[in-house]
């Protein structure tokens, strides 16, 4: 621990003490979506199950709610519902990370937790910060209690990466399989298309490049936050590509997040098939997965979207911005991944009440609304503040449409489905996630209504459960 570390941590603690008081006055603050005590949150980092607790680290700018110098914040939970903030775990206190402790992952081996991340350096000068002027360093740090971390080890620098890559190589995801350590990092090469670098190591410190994963044709110029895992025998490569062209009902945000089906061997010939988006809403990016003690593959995303100034969040008035999504359990069904809220969320349900058709019904600040639509007919759920969730059976489109100030500049997102039998809507103050057909497709958004009412037209029935 150096003097810079001590000063940064002291300043962070003072800033958080003030921020927590402001946040208590904020009616938009969620109850069961992880959020920062103050400042800015973005990518989930280091997600893991360790010593009986779920740990959620995150990209964190404590001094600026609109982003800034990146730390790793740290929260933990026993039930994936109630998250307790534990403090800033990592701060930018070394020559190889002093401009930001960027995204990374956690590796748990027995009682030892090891974090891997990108240490960011931006050099002073007239640079484009793409092909020159930026350093992306692979850094490792370990802990025997998940709270206190030892000395940082600088493992790789720009010159260790392929020479045809730009300065944009980052976001290490590390795992162990077959007695070997594996790592993927996102990259942008000098031909301006995205790819994933795949490495292996015997000791976690010396890494050898074994392959490079990309598509036959360029699919965006940068692939961020890669993740590689097996789900019920199917290999999955998850990435967050930047620079993908918009299509009518796909790739509607400035940046995307989704997965390829990986066929072949990681260190030999392979093929990436298809690309399915994880989420079709306004606020979703940079997801990461982990496996818990029950063998579940759980995904959590950032409920936000970078470089989108038109999306306004009223939490800025209280000095903080952005949350995690709900933890989503992944299931491989009928050739695709279904995402379902973790069972622990559903266990928090209270007594159900029926929502009457054609009547303005009040809904709770923290609740789940289940819309059953077994016959597949058209329906619309009109929420106060100008938000509409609707299904058009003729066009086979599910839509999330804002026509009021509650959307903070958000407009419309659509997704194509063969049918809509059910929509499960989770509301947590300013967070909304909609799981259609038991997780076949999902939409996420932030939402700021001054009242809380819903009017349902069509569908067979709807019920509301309090959560908490």
Protein backbone atom coordinates (compact mmCIF):
# COMPACT_ATOMS: atom_id res chain seq x y z
CA UNK A 1 0.00 0.00 0.00
CA UNK A 2 1.48 3.34 -1.05
CA UNK A 3 0.62 6.90 -0.04
CA UNK A 4 -1.46 7.46 -3.20
CA UNK A 5 -3.56 4.42 -2.30
CA UNK A 6 -4.16 5.73 1.22
CA UNK A 7 -5.12 9.20 0.00
CA UNK A 8 -7.46 7.89 -2.70
CA UNK A 9 -9.21 5.51 -0.30
CA UNK A 10 -9.61 8.22 2.34
CA UNK A 11 -11.06 10.64 -0.20
CA UNK A 12 -13.38 7.91 -1.54
CA UNK A 13 -14.70 7.11 1.94
CA UNK A 14 -15.43 10.79 2.62
CA UNK A 15 -17.16 11.16 -0.74
CA UNK A 16 -19.25 8.04 -0.11
CA UNK A 17 -20.33 9.23 3.33
CA UNK A 18 -21.79 12.39 1.79
CA UNK A 19 -23.23 10.51 -1.19
CA UNK A 20 -25.04 7.93 0.93
CA UNK A 21 -26.92 10.69 2.76
CA UNK A 22 -28.07 12.22 -0.53
CA UNK A 23 -29.07 8.83 -1.90
CA UNK A 24 -31.37 8.13 1.06
CA UNK A 25 -33.52 11.04 -0.13
CA UNK A 26 -33.76 9.59 -3.64
CA UNK A 27 -37.04 7.86 -4.50
CA UNK A 28 -35.46 6.41 -7.64
CA UNK A 29 -32.93 4.33 -5.70
CA UNK A 30 -33.59 0.58 -6.23
CA UNK A 31 -34.00 -2.00 -3.49
CA UNK A 32 -32.80 -5.20 -5.16
CA UNK A 33 -30.75 -4.00 -8.13
CA UNK A 34 -27.13 -3.41 -7.13
CA UNK A 35 -26.28 0.30 -7.36
CA UNK A 36 -23.31 2.44 -6.24
CA UNK A 37 -23.32 4.39 -2.95
CA UNK A 38 -22.48 7.51 -4.96
CA UNK A 39 -21.00 8.42 -8.32
CA UNK A 40 -21.01 6.31 -11.46
CA UNK A 41 -21.32 2.52 -11.98
CA UNK A 42 -20.75 0.66 -15.23
CA UNK A 43 -19.46 -2.83 -16.16
CA UNK A 44 -19.95 -5.78 -13.79
CA UNK A 45 -16.50 -7.08 -12.85
CA UNK A 46 -15.18 -10.05 -10.89
CA UNK A 47 -18.57 -11.75 -10.47
CA UNK A 48 -18.15 -14.88 -8.38
CA UNK A 49 -19.42 -17.07 -5.55
CA UNK A 50 -16.86 -17.08 -2.75
CA UNK A 51 -17.00 -18.32 0.86
CA UNK A 52 -20.79 -18.53 0.90
CA UNK A 53 -21.40 -15.10 -0.64
CA UNK A 54 -22.10 -13.71 -4.09
CA UNK A 55 -19.61 -10.97 -4.94
CA UNK A 56 -20.30 -8.20 -7.42
CA UNK A 57 -17.43 -5.88 -8.25
CA UNK A 58 -18.11 -3.04 -10.66
CA UNK A 59 -16.53 -0.21 -12.62
CA UNK A 60 -16.87 2.73 -10.26
CA UNK A 61 -16.21 6.47 -10.45
CA UNK A 62 -16.93 7.72 -6.92
CA UNK A 63 -16.09 11.36 -7.64
CA UNK A 64 -18.24 11.94 -10.73
CA UNK A 65 -21.75 10.61 -11.42
CA UNK A 66 -21.16 11.14 -15.15
CA UNK A 67 -18.04 8.96 -15.26
CA UNK A 68 -14.40 9.60 -14.53
CA UNK A 69 -11.40 7.91 -12.95
CA UNK A 70 -12.25 4.21 -12.60
CA UNK A 71 -12.00 2.16 -9.40
CA UNK A 72 -13.54 -1.22 -8.61
CA UNK A 73 -16.49 -0.94 -6.24
CA UNK A 74 -17.46 -4.06 -4.28
CA UNK A 75 -20.81 -5.37 -3.05
CA UNK A 76 -21.83 -8.79 -1.75
CA UNK A 77 -25.04 -10.73 -1.20
CA UNK A 78 -26.18 -13.98 0.35
CA UNK A 79 -29.38 -14.22 -1.68
CA UNK A 80 -28.85 -12.24 -4.93
CA UNK A 81 -31.59 -9.87 -3.73
CA UNK A 82 -30.07 -7.76 -0.96
CA UNK A 83 -26.67 -6.32 -1.84
CA UNK A 84 -24.37 -4.79 0.79
CA UNK A 85 -21.69 -2.35 -0.27
CA UNK A 86 -18.24 -3.30 1.08
CA UNK A 87 -16.17 -0.39 -0.20
CA UNK A 88 -13.78 0.33 -3.04
CA UNK A 89 -11.78 -2.86 -3.59
CA UNK A 90 -9.21 -1.55 -6.08
CA UNK A 91 -8.04 1.98 -6.85
CA UNK A 92 -5.72 3.41 -9.55
CA UNK A 93 -2.59 3.70 -7.43
CA UNK A 94 0.22 2.26 -9.61
CA UNK A 95 2.17 3.52 -12.65
CA UNK A 96 0.54 0.77 -14.75
CA UNK A 97 -3.09 1.58 -13.80
CA UNK A 98 -3.10 5.20 -12.61
CA UNK A 99 -5.60 6.35 -15.25
CA UNK A 100 -8.13 3.68 -14.39
CA UNK A 101 -8.64 0.20 -12.99
CA UNK A 102 -10.61 -1.07 -15.97
CA UNK A 103 -12.78 -4.16 -16.35
CA UNK A 104 -11.83 -7.73 -15.53
CA UNK A 105 -12.83 -10.93 -13.77
CA UNK A 106 -12.37 -13.11 -10.69
CA UNK A 107 -10.92 -16.59 -10.34
CA UNK A 108 -11.76 -18.54 -7.17
CA UNK A 109 -9.51 -21.41 -6.08
CA UNK A 110 -10.35 -22.69 -2.61
CA UNK A 111 -10.04 -19.78 -0.20
CA UNK A 112 -8.12 -17.60 -2.64
CA UNK A 113 -9.77 -15.02 -4.89
CA UNK A 114 -7.65 -13.65 -7.72
CA UNK A 115 -8.72 -10.63 -9.76
CA UNK A 116 -7.52 -9.86 -13.28
CA UNK A 117 -8.10 -6.45 -14.85
CA UNK A 118 -6.88 -3.94 -17.41
CA UNK A 119 -4.74 -1.11 -16.06
CA UNK A 120 -5.35 1.96 -18.19
CA UNK A 121 -2.76 4.62 -19.07
CA UNK A 122 -3.40 7.58 -21.40
CA UNK A 123 -0.19 9.31 -22.41
CA UNK A 124 0.01 13.08 -22.79
CA UNK A 125 0.43 14.28 -26.35
CA UNK A 126 -1.21 14.52 -29.75
CA UNK A 127 -2.49 10.94 -30.06
CA UNK A 128 -5.60 9.32 -31.49
CA UNK A 129 -5.62 6.93 -28.47
CA UNK A 130 -6.53 4.09 -30.81
CA UNK A 131 -3.29 3.20 -32.57
CA UNK A 132 -1.06 5.10 -30.15
CA UNK A 133 -1.07 6.99 -26.86
CA UNK A 134 -2.83 4.38 -24.71
CA UNK A 135 -1.50 1.50 -22.64
CA UNK A 136 -3.65 -1.48 -21.68
CA UNK A 137 -1.89 -3.54 -19.02
CA UNK A 138 -2.95 -6.95 -17.72
CA UNK A 139 -2.79 -6.88 -13.91
CA UNK A 140 -3.37 -9.58 -11.29
CA UNK A 141 -4.06 -9.20 -7.56
CA UNK A 142 -5.13 -11.77 -4.95
CA UNK A 143 -6.95 -12.01 -1.62
CA UNK A 144 -7.47 -14.65 1.06
CA UNK A 145 -10.68 -13.10 2.39
CA UNK A 146 -12.27 -11.40 -0.63
CA UNK A 147 -11.92 -7.99 1.03
CA UNK A 148 -8.25 -7.18 1.46
CA UNK A 149 -6.02 -7.52 -1.60
CA UNK A 150 -2.24 -7.88 -1.78
CA UNK A 151 0.35 -6.44 -4.12
CA UNK A 152 -0.61 -5.95 -7.75
CA UNK A 153 1.37 -7.88 -10.37
CA UNK A 154 1.82 -6.42 -13.86
CA UNK A 155 1.65 -9.36 -16.28
CA UNK A 156 1.29 -8.01 -19.83
CA UNK A 157 1.63 -4.73 -21.73
CA UNK A 158 0.86 -3.50 -25.26
CA UNK A 159 3.99 -5.02 -26.79
CA UNK A 160 2.93 -8.47 -25.54
CA UNK A 161 -0.17 -8.42 -27.74
CA UNK A 162 -0.26 -9.14 -31.50
CA UNK A 163 1.39 -6.35 -33.48
CA UNK A 164 -1.67 -5.91 -35.71
CA UNK A 165 -3.82 -4.98 -32.71
CA UNK A 166 -4.48 -1.37 -31.77
CA UNK A 167 -4.01 -0.07 -28.23
CA UNK A 168 -7.50 -1.37 -27.46
CA UNK A 169 -6.98 -4.78 -25.85
CA UNK A 170 -8.82 -5.15 -22.55
CA UNK A 171 -11.34 -6.83 -20.23
CA UNK A 172 -9.69 -10.16 -19.28
CA UNK A 173 -12.02 -13.04 -18.40
CA UNK A 174 -10.09 -15.89 -16.75
CA UNK A 175 -11.15 -19.44 -15.84
CA UNK A 176 -9.55 -22.81 -15.11
CA UNK A 177 -10.35 -26.04 -16.92
CA UNK A 178 -8.44 -29.28 -17.32
CA UNK A 179 -5.60 -28.09 -15.09
CA UNK A 180 -4.94 -25.13 -17.42
CA UNK A 181 -5.79 -21.46 -16.98
CA UNK A 182 -7.64 -19.84 -19.86
CA UNK A 183 -8.18 -16.17 -20.68
CA UNK A 184 -10.04 -14.17 -23.30
CA UNK A 185 -9.52 -10.45 -23.93
CA UNK A 186 -11.45 -8.12 -26.22
CA UNK A 187 -9.56 -6.40 -29.03
CA UNK A 188 -9.71 -3.95 -31.90
CA UNK A 189 -7.25 -4.68 -34.69
CA UNK A 190 -5.68 -2.26 -37.15
CA UNK A 191 -8.06 -3.33 -39.91
CA UNK A 192 -10.84 -1.86 -37.74
CA UNK A 193 -12.73 -4.98 -36.78
CA UNK A 194 -13.30 -6.64 -33.46
CA UNK A 195 -11.96 -9.93 -32.21
CA UNK A 196 -11.19 -11.93 -29.07
CA UNK A 197 -7.67 -13.01 -28.10
CA UNK A 198 -7.52 -16.45 -26.47
CA UNK A 199 -4.64 -17.32 -24.09
CA UNK A 200 -3.54 -20.24 -21.94
CA UNK A 201 -1.27 -20.37 -18.88
CA UNK A 202 0.05 -22.96 -16.46
CA UNK A 203 0.69 -20.53 -13.61
CA UNK A 204 -1.73 -17.57 -14.14
CA UNK A 205 1.25 -15.29 -14.81
CA UNK A 206 2.84 -16.31 -18.11
CA UNK A 207 0.25 -16.29 -20.88
CA UNK A 208 0.61 -17.71 -24.39
CA UNK A 209 -1.64 -16.69 -27.28
CA UNK A 210 -3.39 -19.79 -28.63
CA UNK A 211 -6.00 -18.37 -31.00
CA UNK A 212 -7.95 -15.35 -32.18
CA UNK A 213 -11.73 -15.52 -32.46
CA UNK A 214 -13.62 -13.42 -34.98
CA UNK A 215 -16.25 -13.67 -37.69
CA UNK A 216 -15.74 -14.35 -41.40
CA UNK A 217 -16.84 -10.79 -42.14
CA UNK A 218 -16.17 -7.79 -39.88
CA UNK A 219 -18.80 -7.43 -37.16
CA UNK A 220 -18.05 -4.11 -35.50
CA UNK A 221 -14.66 -2.49 -34.91
CA UNK A 222 -14.20 -3.50 -31.24
CA UNK A 223 -15.34 -6.45 -29.13
CA UNK A 224 -15.51 -5.54 -25.45
CA UNK A 225 -16.09 -7.63 -22.33
CA UNK A 226 -15.66 -11.13 -23.79
CA UNK A 227 -16.83 -14.20 -21.90
CA UNK A 228 -16.44 -17.88 -22.80
CA UNK A 229 -18.34 -20.71 -21.13
CA UNK A 230 -20.05 -24.05 -21.61
CA UNK A 231 -23.83 -24.29 -21.18
CA UNK A 232 -25.36 -27.77 -21.23
CA UNK A 233 -22.67 -28.99 -23.64
CA UNK A 234 -22.76 -25.94 -25.92
CA UNK A 235 -19.77 -23.59 -26.05
CA UNK A 236 -20.76 -19.92 -25.88
CA UNK A 237 -18.73 -16.80 -26.73
CA UNK A 238 -20.29 -13.62 -25.37
CA UNK A 239 -19.06 -10.21 -26.55
CA UNK A 240 -20.14 -6.56 -26.56
CA UNK A 241 -19.36 -5.31 -30.08
CA UNK A 242 -19.07 -1.65 -31.01
CA UNK A 243 -19.71 -0.38 -34.53
CA UNK A 244 -22.40 -2.83 -35.65
CA UNK A 245 -24.85 -1.39 -38.21
CA UNK A 246 -28.45 -1.00 -37.09
CA UNK A 247 -31.14 -3.30 -38.48
CA UNK A 248 -34.90 -2.87 -38.31
CA UNK A 249 -35.50 -4.82 -35.12
CA UNK A 250 -31.93 -5.69 -34.15
CA UNK A 251 -28.90 -3.75 -32.97
CA UNK A 252 -31.06 -0.78 -31.98
CA UNK A 253 -28.63 0.73 -29.44
CA UNK A 254 -25.35 2.48 -30.13
CA UNK A 255 -23.47 -0.63 -28.88
CA UNK A 256 -24.63 -4.23 -28.60
CA UNK A 257 -24.21 -7.25 -26.32
CA UNK A 258 -24.84 -10.83 -27.36
CA UNK A 259 -23.46 -14.30 -27.90
CA UNK A 260 -22.19 -16.59 -30.64
CA UNK A 261 -22.46 -20.36 -30.66
CA UNK A 262 -18.85 -21.55 -30.72
CA UNK A 263 -18.18 -24.66 -32.80
CA UNK A 264 -14.78 -26.36 -32.80
CA UNK A 265 -11.78 -26.16 -30.49
CA UNK A 266 -10.54 -23.09 -28.69
CA UNK A 267 -6.91 -23.70 -29.66
CA UNK A 268 -7.58 -25.03 -33.17
CA UNK A 269 -10.11 -24.50 -35.95
CA UNK A 270 -13.44 -23.00 -34.94
CA UNK A 271 -16.52 -21.23 -36.24
CA UNK A 272 -18.75 -18.57 -34.68
CA UNK A 273 -22.40 -19.15 -35.56
CA UNK A 274 -25.18 -16.59 -35.37
CA UNK A 275 -25.32 -13.68 -32.96
CA UNK A 276 -28.18 -13.44 -30.47
CA UNK A 277 -28.61 -10.28 -28.44
CA UNK A 278 -28.83 -10.68 -24.68
CA UNK A 279 -31.28 -7.81 -24.28
CA UNK A 280 -33.42 -5.68 -26.60
CA UNK A 281 -34.11 -2.77 -24.25
CA UNK A 282 -32.53 0.65 -23.86
CA UNK A 283 -30.26 -0.01 -20.90
CA UNK A 284 -28.08 -3.10 -21.14
CA UNK A 285 -24.37 -3.56 -21.85
CA UNK A 286 -21.16 -5.38 -20.86
CA UNK A 287 -22.62 -8.51 -19.21
CA UNK A 288 -20.49 -11.05 -17.37
CA UNK A 289 -21.31 -14.59 -16.24
CA UNK A 290 -20.12 -16.87 -13.46
CA UNK A 291 -20.97 -20.29 -12.05
CA UNK A 292 -22.21 -20.56 -8.46
CA UNK A 293 -22.06 -23.39 -5.93
CA UNK A 294 -25.30 -24.85 -7.33
CA UNK A 295 -23.78 -25.18 -10.79
CA UNK A 296 -25.92 -22.37 -12.22
CA UNK A 297 -24.52 -20.13 -14.94
CA UNK A 298 -25.60 -16.62 -13.88
CA UNK A 299 -25.42 -13.49 -16.03
CA UNK A 300 -25.50 -9.89 -14.78
CA UNK A 301 -25.32 -6.86 -17.06
CA UNK A 302 -24.83 -3.15 -16.64
CA UNK A 303 -28.24 -1.46 -16.75
CA UNK A 304 -26.92 1.48 -18.71
CA UNK A 305 -25.52 2.36 -22.11
CA UNK A 306 -22.30 4.29 -22.83
CA UNK A 307 -22.02 7.27 -25.16
CA UNK A 308 -25.77 7.93 -25.19
CA UNK A 309 -26.28 11.49 -23.89
CA UNK A 310 -29.95 11.57 -24.99
CA UNK A 311 -30.77 9.03 -22.24
CA UNK A 312 -31.18 11.05 -19.05
CA UNK A 313 -31.30 9.55 -15.55
CA UNK A 314 -32.93 11.56 -12.77
CA UNK A 315 -30.66 9.92 -10.21
CA UNK A 316 -28.00 12.41 -11.31
CA UNK A 317 -29.82 14.96 -9.17
CA UNK A 318 -28.82 12.82 -6.17
CA UNK A 319 -25.23 12.26 -7.21
CA UNK A 320 -25.29 8.73 -8.61
CA UNK A 321 -26.03 6.85 -11.84
CA UNK A 322 -26.67 3.30 -13.16
CA UNK A 323 -27.30 -0.16 -11.69
CA UNK A 324 -26.77 -3.85 -12.36
CA UNK A 325 -29.54 -5.92 -13.94
CA UNK A 326 -31.18 -8.72 -12.04
CA UNK A 327 -29.06 -11.88 -11.83
CA UNK A 328 -30.26 -14.07 -14.69
CA UNK A 329 -29.90 -17.85 -14.70
CA UNK A 330 -29.01 -19.11 -18.19
CA UNK A 331 -30.63 -22.24 -19.63
CA UNK A 332 -29.97 -23.89 -22.99
CA UNK A 333 -33.35 -24.76 -24.52
CA UNK A 334 -34.35 -25.53 -28.12
CA UNK A 335 -31.10 -24.27 -29.60
CA UNK A 336 -30.98 -20.92 -27.79
CA UNK A 337 -30.30 -19.43 -24.37
CA UNK A 338 -33.20 -18.55 -22.09
CA UNK A 339 -32.60 -16.02 -19.30
CA UNK A 340 -34.63 -16.34 -16.13
CA UNK A 341 -34.54 -14.27 -12.94
CA UNK A 342 -32.71 -16.17 -10.21
CA UNK A 343 -35.05 -18.25 -8.09
CA UNK A 344 -34.06 -16.20 -5.05
CA UNK A 345 -35.84 -13.18 -6.60
CA UNK A 346 -39.10 -15.11 -7.00
CA UNK A 347 -38.87 -16.32 -3.41
CA UNK A 348 -39.36 -12.68 -2.32
CA UNK A 349 -42.89 -12.59 -3.73
CA UNK A 350 -45.69 -11.47 -1.44
CA UNK A 351 -49.42 -12.05 -1.83
CA UNK A 352 -50.71 -11.76 -5.40
CA UNK A 353 -53.40 -9.26 -6.40
CA UNK A 354 -55.31 -9.34 -9.69
CA UNK A 355 -54.94 -6.43 -12.12
CA UNK A 356 -58.34 -5.68 -13.66
CA UNK A 357 -58.67 -5.11 -17.41
CA UNK A 358 -59.35 -1.59 -18.65
CA UNK A 359 -58.86 0.02 -15.24
CA UNK A 360 -56.05 2.25 -14.00
CA UNK A 361 -54.53 0.11 -11.26
CA UNK A 362 -51.85 1.28 -8.86
CA UNK A 363 -48.69 -0.77 -8.75
CA UNK A 364 -46.01 -0.94 -6.09
CA UNK A 365 -42.58 0.66 -6.21
CA UNK A 366 -40.98 -2.81 -5.94
CA UNK A 367 -43.06 -5.49 -7.60
CA UNK A 368 -43.46 -8.14 -10.27
CA UNK A 369 -46.35 -7.98 -12.75
CA UNK A 370 -47.07 -11.23 -14.60
CA UNK A 371 -49.11 -10.85 -17.80
CA UNK A 372 -50.51 -14.17 -19.05
CA UNK A 373 -51.37 -14.28 -22.75
CA UNK A 374 -51.77 -17.95 -23.56
CA UNK A 375 -53.93 -17.33 -26.63
CA UNK A 376 -51.28 -15.06 -28.14
CA UNK A 377 -53.66 -12.18 -28.87
CA UNK A 378 -52.73 -8.49 -29.02
CA UNK A 379 -52.33 -6.72 -25.70
CA UNK A 380 -51.08 -3.45 -24.28
CA UNK A 381 -49.97 -2.50 -20.76
CA UNK A 382 -50.00 1.28 -20.39
CA UNK A 383 -47.88 2.55 -17.50
CA UNK A 384 -48.05 6.06 -16.09
CA UNK A 385 -45.52 8.49 -17.49
CA UNK A 386 -46.08 7.43 -21.08
CA UNK A 387 -44.60 3.91 -21.13
CA UNK A 388 -46.35 1.22 -23.17
CA UNK A 389 -45.53 -2.49 -23.36
CA UNK A 390 -47.40 -4.05 -26.27
CA UNK A 391 -47.69 -7.15 -28.41
CA UNK A 392 -48.82 -7.04 -32.06
CA UNK A 393 -49.63 -10.59 -33.09
CA UNK A 394 -50.02 -9.79 -36.80
CA UNK A 395 -46.58 -8.16 -37.01
CA UNK A 396 -45.09 -10.55 -34.43
CA UNK A 397 -43.55 -7.61 -32.57
CA UNK A 398 -43.18 -6.90 -28.87
CA UNK A 399 -42.54 -3.20 -28.22
CA UNK A 400 -41.42 -0.99 -25.35
CA UNK A 401 -42.49 2.57 -26.20
CA UNK A 402 -41.98 5.82 -24.30
CA UNK A 403 -44.10 8.87 -25.13
CA UNK A 404 -43.50 10.96 -22.04
CA UNK A 405 -40.87 12.45 -19.78
CA UNK A 406 -40.62 9.30 -17.68
CA UNK A 407 -38.39 7.78 -20.35
CA UNK A 408 -35.72 10.45 -20.07
CA UNK A 409 -35.19 10.65 -23.84
CA UNK A 410 -35.79 6.97 -24.58
CA UNK A 411 -38.22 6.29 -27.44
CA UNK A 412 -38.98 2.78 -28.73
CA UNK A 413 -37.39 -0.66 -28.82
CA UNK A 414 -38.89 -3.70 -30.55
CA UNK A 415 -38.15 -7.39 -30.75
CA UNK A 416 -39.40 -10.08 -33.12
CA UNK A 417 -41.05 -13.20 -31.67
CA UNK A 418 -43.12 -16.06 -33.07
CA UNK A 419 -45.61 -15.57 -30.24
CA UNK A 420 -46.04 -13.81 -26.91
CA UNK A 421 -47.59 -16.10 -24.32
CA UNK A 422 -46.32 -14.34 -21.22
CA UNK A 423 -44.58 -11.16 -20.11
CA UNK A 424 -42.98 -11.03 -16.66
CA UNK A 425 -42.30 -7.41 -15.63
CA UNK A 426 -39.95 -6.65 -12.71
CA UNK A 427 -40.09 -3.10 -11.33
CA UNK A 428 -37.65 -1.75 -8.77
CA UNK A 429 -38.10 2.02 -8.33
CA UNK A 430 -36.46 3.29 -11.57
CA UNK A 431 -35.50 -0.15 -12.98
CA UNK A 432 -37.69 -2.27 -15.24
CA UNK A 433 -36.88 -5.64 -16.80
CA UNK A 434 -39.33 -7.55 -19.00
CA UNK A 435 -38.88 -11.31 -19.51
CA UNK A 436 -41.00 -12.57 -22.42
CA UNK A 437 -42.01 -16.22 -22.78
CA UNK A 438 -40.16 -17.27 -19.62
CA UNK A 439 -36.93 -15.64 -20.74
CA UNK A 440 -36.89 -16.30 -24.48
CA UNK A 441 -36.13 -12.60 -24.92
CA UNK A 442 -35.62 -9.73 -22.47
CA UNK A 443 -35.89 -5.92 -22.41
CA UNK A 444 -34.37 -3.62 -19.79
CA UNK A 445 -34.83 0.09 -19.18
CA UNK A 446 -34.59 2.85 -16.62
CA UNK A 447 -37.93 4.59 -16.01
CA UNK A 448 -38.89 7.68 -13.97
CA UNK A 449 -42.67 8.03 -13.48
CA UNK A 450 -44.18 10.57 -11.08
CA UNK A 451 -47.13 8.21 -10.47
CA UNK A 452 -47.35 4.42 -10.46
CA UNK A 453 -50.38 3.13 -12.36
CA UNK A 454 -50.91 0.56 -15.10
CA UNK A 455 -53.85 -0.11 -17.42
CA UNK A 456 -54.11 -3.47 -19.17
CA UNK A 457 -56.01 -4.09 -22.39
CA UNK A 458 -56.12 -7.53 -23.95
CA UNK A 459 -54.24 -10.57 -22.55
CA UNK A 460 -55.92 -13.23 -20.46
CA UNK A 461 -55.00 -12.05 -16.99
CA UNK A 462 -52.40 -10.21 -14.97
CA UNK A 463 -51.34 -10.39 -11.33
CA UNK A 464 -49.00 -8.28 -9.23
CA UNK A 465 -46.66 -9.57 -6.52
CA UNK A 466 -44.92 -7.26 -4.04
CA UNK A 467 -41.19 -8.02 -3.85
CA UNK A 468 -39.19 -7.67 -0.69
